Structure formats: C-alpha cells, structure tokens
Amino acid sequence: MQKNIKLPRSLTFLLLFMSSLYSRDILLESISLDSKANGIMVSLDTDSTLGDKDVTAWQANSGWFYITLYKVKGDTSYLRKDTLPKGVLDFQVIQGKQSFQVGLRLRRSIEHYEFSSTKKNTLVASLHYSTEYFSTLDSIQDKRGSKQRNGIPDGIRKWLYLTGTGMTISGSIKNSDIRSSPQTQAGLAVILSTFIVDAIWRIL
C-alpha cells in the first residue's frame, strides 16, 4: 500500500514560484528605429535578457523584413510607430501565442543582418543593405563628381568674371574709348578667355 507524501507548504510555494519565474514571458518594453547610410538599426529593450535561440529574422519577397522574438510579450498599441525614419516605408508589430513579431517594409532589400547587445537587456539588430544598392550609389556619386569636374570650378569662374567686369567698368569710366584704354581691353580679355577656357574644359 502506497503512502501519500505531503510536501511542506513552504516548499510547494517555492516550487510554484520557480516554475512561474522560468516559464514567464519576457516583456518587450520599447522599440527604436534608426536609419543609417548602410542600413537600418533596430533597438529592442526588454525587461530581461533574450537568448540567442529566442531571436530569428528573415527577408520576405514582399519587401518586408521580419524579426521574431520567441517567448516575448508586448503592448502592440504602445509599440506602434507614428513617425518612421528615412528608408522605412511601413512598420508593424504582431503579438502571437508564443512569439512577438516586428515587421519593417523597407525601401531597399536587406542582404545580411546581425544581432548584438550594447547594454543589459537591449538587443540591437543591424540590418545591412545589399551590395548592389551600394554599387548603384557609387555610380551615382561618380556621375555627380564628373559633372562637378566639368568646366572651371564655380568659385574660380565667378572670381574671373567679376575681376574682368570690374576692370572693364573701371577702364571705361576713366576712358570711354576702348581702343585707348589698356585696363578695359585687359578686362574684356579676362572675360573672353574665361568663357573660352570654360567652354573647352566642359567638352573635354
């Protein structure tokens, strides 16, 4: 005949407390988004530390990038964003039965991502744009740079025109006859030379 073993009441309460402590969900307190030149940074503040196996992320074909936090709860009405940084088209938070999901619809696709902890109970997701996007930026910058290099630099061109105009006006005030005014002729020569050199430089 088996005897029923009764545990002390204090031990029973302790076991229940430890069970609830280890099984309770982590609370997601805040989400912050920061747009960078090479991607998006997502900071997730929780009331306790998330394990490496409790976080996953992936890029969907629809343009959305999802971060899933397992065993996490959060107030979706509080965590929604009214203002989004540059590069983020839309933002959503979804509470599931066993996980919490953060979705970002981005202008550019994410090629790779990484998670890190900058401080206690703060998980940072660094989302990096594709290398194809950066190559496009480089080509645009090269085109802009070539356009900027065409012709005499703006500062020098303006200074030459102003100098030539000043000499011309000053010479004409002293002597109305252009042919007998070296200063006026020199001013006109500066203006004409600047125009010709600038035009040739733009063609090359």
Protein backbone atom coordinates (compact mmCIF):
# COMPACT_ATOMS: atom_id res chain seq x y z
CA MET A 1 0.00 0.00 0.00
CA GLN A 2 1.43 3.34 -1.08
CA LYS A 3 1.55 6.26 1.26
CA ASN A 4 0.85 9.81 0.02
CA ILE A 5 3.84 12.04 0.63
CA LYS A 6 2.93 15.57 1.57
CA LEU A 7 5.41 18.31 0.81
CA PRO A 8 5.82 21.18 3.22
CA ARG A 9 3.68 24.17 2.27
CA SER A 10 6.72 26.47 2.02
CA LEU A 11 8.45 24.09 -0.40
CA THR A 12 5.29 23.87 -2.51
CA PHE A 13 5.11 27.66 -2.82
CA LEU A 14 8.80 27.78 -3.68
CA LEU A 15 8.41 25.24 -6.48
CA LEU A 16 5.40 27.11 -7.89
CA PHE A 17 7.31 30.39 -7.75
CA MET A 18 10.37 28.93 -9.52
CA SER A 19 8.15 27.34 -12.16
CA SER A 20 6.35 30.60 -12.92
CA LEU A 21 9.64 32.50 -12.90
CA TYR A 22 11.25 30.32 -15.55
CA SER A 23 8.14 29.94 -17.68
CA ARG A 24 7.03 33.59 -17.75
CA ASP A 25 7.30 35.60 -20.96
CA ILE A 26 9.83 38.36 -21.47
CA LEU A 27 8.30 41.83 -21.77
CA LEU A 28 9.25 43.97 -24.77
CA GLU A 29 9.32 47.49 -23.34
CA SER A 30 10.32 49.65 -26.33
CA ILE A 31 11.45 49.60 -29.97
CA SER A 32 13.57 52.29 -31.61
CA LEU A 33 14.47 52.61 -35.30
CA ASP A 34 17.49 54.47 -36.66
CA SER A 35 18.25 54.95 -40.35
CA LYS A 36 21.92 54.69 -41.35
CA ALA A 37 23.72 55.12 -44.66
CA ASN A 38 24.28 51.36 -44.93
CA GLY A 39 21.01 50.13 -43.47
CA ILE A 40 18.62 50.25 -40.51
CA MET A 41 19.34 49.77 -36.82
CA VAL A 42 16.57 48.33 -34.61
CA SER A 43 16.97 48.54 -30.81
CA LEU A 44 14.76 46.27 -28.68
CA ASP A 45 14.56 46.94 -24.93
CA THR A 46 13.25 44.10 -22.76
CA ASP A 47 12.82 43.53 -19.04
CA SER A 48 15.25 40.59 -19.13
CA THR A 49 17.92 39.17 -21.40
CA LEU A 50 16.92 37.35 -24.58
CA GLY A 51 18.75 34.17 -25.51
CA ASP A 52 20.43 33.74 -28.89
CA LYS A 53 17.98 30.99 -29.82
CA ASP A 54 14.98 33.19 -28.99
CA VAL A 55 15.52 35.61 -31.90
CA THR A 56 15.25 35.00 -35.64
CA ALA A 57 14.93 37.25 -38.70
CA TRP A 58 14.37 36.95 -42.43
CA GLN A 59 13.76 38.97 -45.60
CA ALA A 60 10.42 38.34 -47.34
CA ASN A 61 9.91 38.65 -51.11
CA SER A 62 7.22 41.26 -50.45
CA GLY A 63 9.85 43.75 -49.27
CA TRP A 64 9.10 43.23 -45.57
CA PHE A 65 11.84 42.29 -43.14
CA TYR A 66 10.69 40.38 -40.05
CA ILE A 67 12.23 39.95 -36.61
CA THR A 68 10.64 37.26 -34.43
CA LEU A 69 11.14 37.18 -30.65
CA TYR A 70 10.12 33.91 -29.01
CA LYS A 71 8.58 33.82 -25.51
CA VAL A 72 8.12 37.59 -25.67
CA LYS A 73 5.04 39.69 -24.96
CA GLY A 74 4.44 43.35 -25.76
CA ASP A 75 1.76 46.01 -25.91
CA THR A 76 1.20 46.42 -29.65
CA SER A 77 -0.77 49.66 -29.27
CA TYR A 78 2.11 51.22 -27.32
CA LEU A 79 4.89 49.83 -29.54
CA ARG A 80 3.43 51.07 -32.83
CA LYS A 81 5.27 53.94 -34.56
CA ASP A 82 3.58 57.12 -35.79
CA THR A 83 6.79 58.54 -37.26
CA LEU A 84 9.19 56.40 -39.28
CA PRO A 85 12.81 57.20 -40.19
CA LYS A 86 14.01 57.58 -43.76
CA GLY A 87 14.20 54.23 -45.55
CA VAL A 88 11.32 52.63 -43.60
CA LEU A 89 8.05 52.68 -45.55
CA ASP A 90 5.86 50.85 -43.05
CA PHE A 91 6.08 49.27 -39.60
CA GLN A 92 4.01 46.65 -37.82
CA VAL A 93 4.04 44.71 -34.56
CA ILE A 94 2.18 41.41 -34.16
CA GLN A 95 1.60 39.51 -30.93
CA GLY A 96 1.41 35.74 -31.37
CA LYS A 97 0.68 32.96 -28.91
CA GLN A 98 4.33 32.12 -28.33
CA SER A 99 6.20 34.95 -30.04
CA PHE A 100 6.25 38.65 -30.87
CA GLN A 101 6.97 39.80 -34.42
CA VAL A 102 8.38 43.13 -35.63
CA GLY A 103 7.92 43.89 -39.34
CA LEU A 104 9.58 46.62 -41.38
CA ARG A 105 8.80 47.38 -45.01
CA LEU A 106 11.98 48.93 -46.38
CA ARG A 107 12.94 50.88 -49.49
CA ARG A 108 15.94 48.60 -50.03
CA SER A 109 16.33 44.87 -49.50
CA ILE A 110 18.48 43.62 -46.64
CA GLU A 111 21.40 41.42 -47.66
CA HIS A 112 22.58 40.42 -44.20
CA TYR A 113 21.91 41.21 -40.55
CA GLU A 114 23.45 40.68 -37.15
CA PHE A 115 22.33 40.88 -33.52
CA SER A 116 24.36 42.40 -30.70
CA SER A 117 23.84 43.63 -27.14
CA THR A 118 25.03 47.17 -26.49
CA LYS A 119 23.87 47.11 -22.88
CA LYS A 120 21.97 44.87 -20.49
CA ASN A 121 18.53 43.80 -21.77
CA THR A 122 18.95 45.75 -25.03
CA LEU A 123 19.19 43.78 -28.26
CA VAL A 124 20.33 45.65 -31.38
CA ALA A 125 19.55 44.30 -34.85
CA SER A 126 21.82 45.78 -37.53
CA LEU A 127 20.20 45.38 -40.96
CA HIS A 128 22.59 45.98 -43.87
CA TYR A 129 21.53 46.92 -47.39
CA SER A 130 22.63 44.80 -50.35
CA THR A 131 25.96 45.42 -52.08
CA GLU A 132 24.01 46.04 -55.30
CA TYR A 133 22.49 49.13 -53.67
CA PHE A 134 25.92 50.44 -52.70
CA SER A 135 27.30 49.89 -56.21
CA THR A 136 24.37 51.97 -57.51
CA LEU A 137 25.23 54.73 -55.05
CA ASP A 138 28.89 54.65 -56.12
CA SER A 139 27.97 55.01 -59.79
CA ILE A 140 25.65 57.94 -59.00
CA GLN A 141 28.39 59.63 -56.98
CA ASP A 142 30.89 59.09 -59.80
CA LYS A 143 28.49 60.70 -62.29
CA ARG A 144 27.89 63.62 -59.97
CA GLY A 145 31.61 64.00 -59.42
CA SER A 146 32.29 64.02 -63.17
CA LYS A 147 29.62 66.66 -63.66
CA GLN A 148 31.14 68.77 -60.94
CA ARG A 149 34.58 68.49 -62.52
CA ASN A 150 33.32 69.70 -65.93
CA GLY A 151 34.35 73.27 -66.65
CA ILE A 152 36.24 75.75 -64.50
CA PRO A 153 35.35 75.35 -60.80
CA ASP A 154 32.48 77.66 -59.83
CA GLY A 155 34.48 79.73 -57.38
CA ILE A 156 37.34 80.45 -59.79
CA ARG A 157 34.97 81.10 -62.72
CA LYS A 158 32.94 83.63 -60.73
CA TRP A 159 36.10 85.36 -59.49
CA LEU A 160 37.48 85.67 -63.06
CA TYR A 161 34.21 87.08 -64.39
CA LEU A 162 33.95 89.56 -61.54
CA THR A 163 37.58 90.62 -61.98
CA GLY A 164 37.20 91.07 -65.73
CA THR A 165 33.95 93.01 -65.31
CA GLY A 166 35.48 95.25 -62.67
CA MET A 167 38.49 96.03 -64.84
CA THR A 168 36.24 96.77 -67.84
CA ILE A 169 33.97 99.12 -65.91
CA SER A 170 36.88 100.87 -64.23
CA GLY A 171 38.66 101.38 -67.57
CA SER A 172 35.54 102.67 -69.31
CA ILE A 173 34.98 105.25 -66.56
CA LYS A 174 38.49 106.62 -66.99
CA ASN A 175 38.45 106.49 -70.77
CA SER A 176 35.35 105.97 -72.91
CA ASP A 177 37.48 104.90 -75.89
CA ILE A 178 38.01 101.15 -75.51
CA ARG A 179 40.91 101.05 -78.00
CA SER A 180 42.93 103.53 -75.98
CA SER A 181 42.16 102.01 -72.56
CA PRO A 182 44.52 99.14 -71.68
CA GLN A 183 42.54 98.41 -68.49
CA THR A 184 39.29 98.00 -70.40
CA GLN A 185 40.96 95.78 -73.00
CA ALA A 186 42.50 93.66 -70.25
CA GLY A 187 39.12 93.26 -68.54
CA LEU A 188 37.45 92.19 -71.78
CA ALA A 189 40.31 89.77 -72.43
CA VAL A 190 39.82 88.16 -68.99
CA ILE A 191 36.07 87.74 -69.58
CA LEU A 192 36.52 86.31 -73.08
CA SER A 193 39.37 84.00 -72.03
CA THR A 194 37.35 82.68 -69.09
CA PHE A 195 34.38 81.94 -71.36
CA ILE A 196 36.50 80.13 -73.97
CA VAL A 197 38.52 78.08 -71.45
CA ASP A 198 35.37 77.09 -69.54
CA ALA A 199 33.62 76.00 -72.76
CA ILE A 200 36.62 73.92 -73.91
CA TRP A 201 37.01 72.34 -70.46
CA ARG A 202 33.36 71.23 -70.48
CA ILE A 203 33.83 69.46 -73.83
CA LEU A 204 36.93 67.53 -72.70
